[in-house]
Amino acid sequence: MTKPCLSREARMNARVAGSGDTGKAEVALTLGSAIRADEGQDLAEYAILIGLIALVVIGAVTLFGGGVVALYQNIVATLPFTD
C-alpha cells in the first residue's frame, strides 16, 4: 500500500499532534524542511535588487558627476544676481 503524499503543513500538524516521541527520522525531516524553506527568499531577492540599484546609481554619479557640476557652475555664473 502506498502512503498518501502530505503537504508540509500536514506533516508539521501531525508532528504537533503526535505522542511527543521525536525520533531521528522526524528530526531529519524537520531539518530538511527547514533547509528547503523559502520564506527568506523574498528578503534576499530584495536585498540583491537594492544592492544592484545602488551600484548603478554610484556608477552613474561617478561617470556623470563632473559634467553635471561643470554645467551647474556655468549656469550659476551666467545668473545676473551673482557677485
Protein backbone atom coordinates (compact mmCIF):
# COMPACT_ATOMS: atom_id res chain seq x y z
CA MET A 1 0.00 0.00 0.00
CA THR A 2 1.36 3.48 -0.87
CA LYS A 3 1.40 6.32 1.59
CA PRO A 4 -0.51 9.48 0.67
CA CYS A 5 1.66 12.48 -0.13
CA LEU A 6 1.17 15.03 2.63
CA SER A 7 1.89 18.71 2.43
CA ARG A 8 4.47 20.33 4.67
CA GLU A 9 1.76 21.85 6.86
CA ALA A 10 0.06 18.47 7.27
CA ARG A 11 3.34 16.84 8.33
CA MET A 12 4.00 19.61 10.84
CA ASN A 13 0.48 19.33 12.26
CA ALA A 14 0.89 15.57 12.57
CA ARG A 15 4.14 16.11 14.48
CA VAL A 16 2.46 18.52 16.88
CA ALA A 17 -0.49 16.21 17.43
CA GLY A 18 1.76 13.15 17.93
CA SER A 19 2.67 11.46 21.17
CA GLY A 20 5.71 13.68 21.70
CA ASP A 21 8.19 10.95 20.71
CA THR A 22 10.61 12.61 18.30
CA GLY A 23 12.78 10.08 16.52
CA LYS A 24 15.84 10.70 14.37
CA ALA A 25 13.86 10.38 11.15
CA GLU A 26 11.39 13.02 12.31
CA VAL A 27 14.19 15.39 13.33
CA ALA A 28 15.86 14.86 9.96
CA LEU A 29 12.56 15.64 8.22
CA THR A 30 12.24 18.82 10.25
CA LEU A 31 15.80 19.89 9.43
CA GLY A 32 15.31 19.08 5.77
CA SER A 33 12.11 21.09 5.54
CA ALA A 34 13.76 24.00 7.38
CA ILE A 35 16.69 23.98 4.97
CA ARG A 36 14.40 23.87 1.95
CA ALA A 37 12.08 26.55 3.32
CA ASP A 38 11.89 29.57 1.04
CA GLU A 39 10.33 32.10 3.40
CA GLY A 40 13.50 34.22 3.48
CA GLN A 41 13.96 34.09 -0.27
CA ASP A 42 11.96 37.27 -0.92
CA LEU A 43 14.06 39.26 1.53
CA ALA A 44 17.27 38.05 -0.10
CA GLU A 45 15.96 38.95 -3.57
CA TYR A 46 15.04 42.46 -2.43
CA ALA A 47 18.47 42.90 -0.82
CA ILE A 48 20.21 41.86 -4.04
CA LEU A 49 17.97 44.18 -6.08
CA ILE A 50 18.67 47.15 -3.79
CA GLY A 51 22.40 46.40 -3.94
CA LEU A 52 22.37 46.35 -7.75
CA ILE A 53 20.40 49.61 -7.92
CA ALA A 54 22.90 51.22 -5.53
CA LEU A 55 25.79 50.09 -7.74
CA VAL A 56 24.13 51.58 -10.83
CA VAL A 57 23.49 54.89 -9.05
CA ILE A 58 27.06 55.08 -7.73
CA GLY A 59 28.41 54.31 -11.20
CA ALA A 60 26.23 56.96 -12.83
CA VAL A 61 27.23 59.62 -10.30
CA THR A 62 30.90 58.72 -10.74
CA LEU A 63 30.64 58.78 -14.53
CA PHE A 64 28.48 61.90 -14.99
CA GLY A 65 29.15 63.78 -11.74
CA GLY A 66 31.92 66.01 -13.04
CA GLY A 67 29.94 67.05 -16.11
CA VAL A 68 26.86 67.87 -14.06
CA VAL A 69 28.90 70.01 -11.64
CA ALA A 70 30.52 71.90 -14.55
CA LEU A 71 27.14 72.50 -16.18
CA TYR A 72 25.68 73.75 -12.89
CA GLN A 73 28.64 76.12 -12.35
CA ASN A 74 28.23 77.54 -15.89
CA ILE A 75 24.55 78.20 -15.26
CA VAL A 76 25.24 79.86 -11.91
CA ALA A 77 27.99 82.02 -13.46
CA THR A 78 25.54 83.45 -16.02
CA LEU A 79 22.94 84.49 -13.47
CA PRO A 80 22.65 88.29 -13.18
CA PHE A 81 22.48 88.46 -9.37
CA THR A 82 25.73 86.62 -8.56
CA ASP A 83 28.83 88.50 -7.35
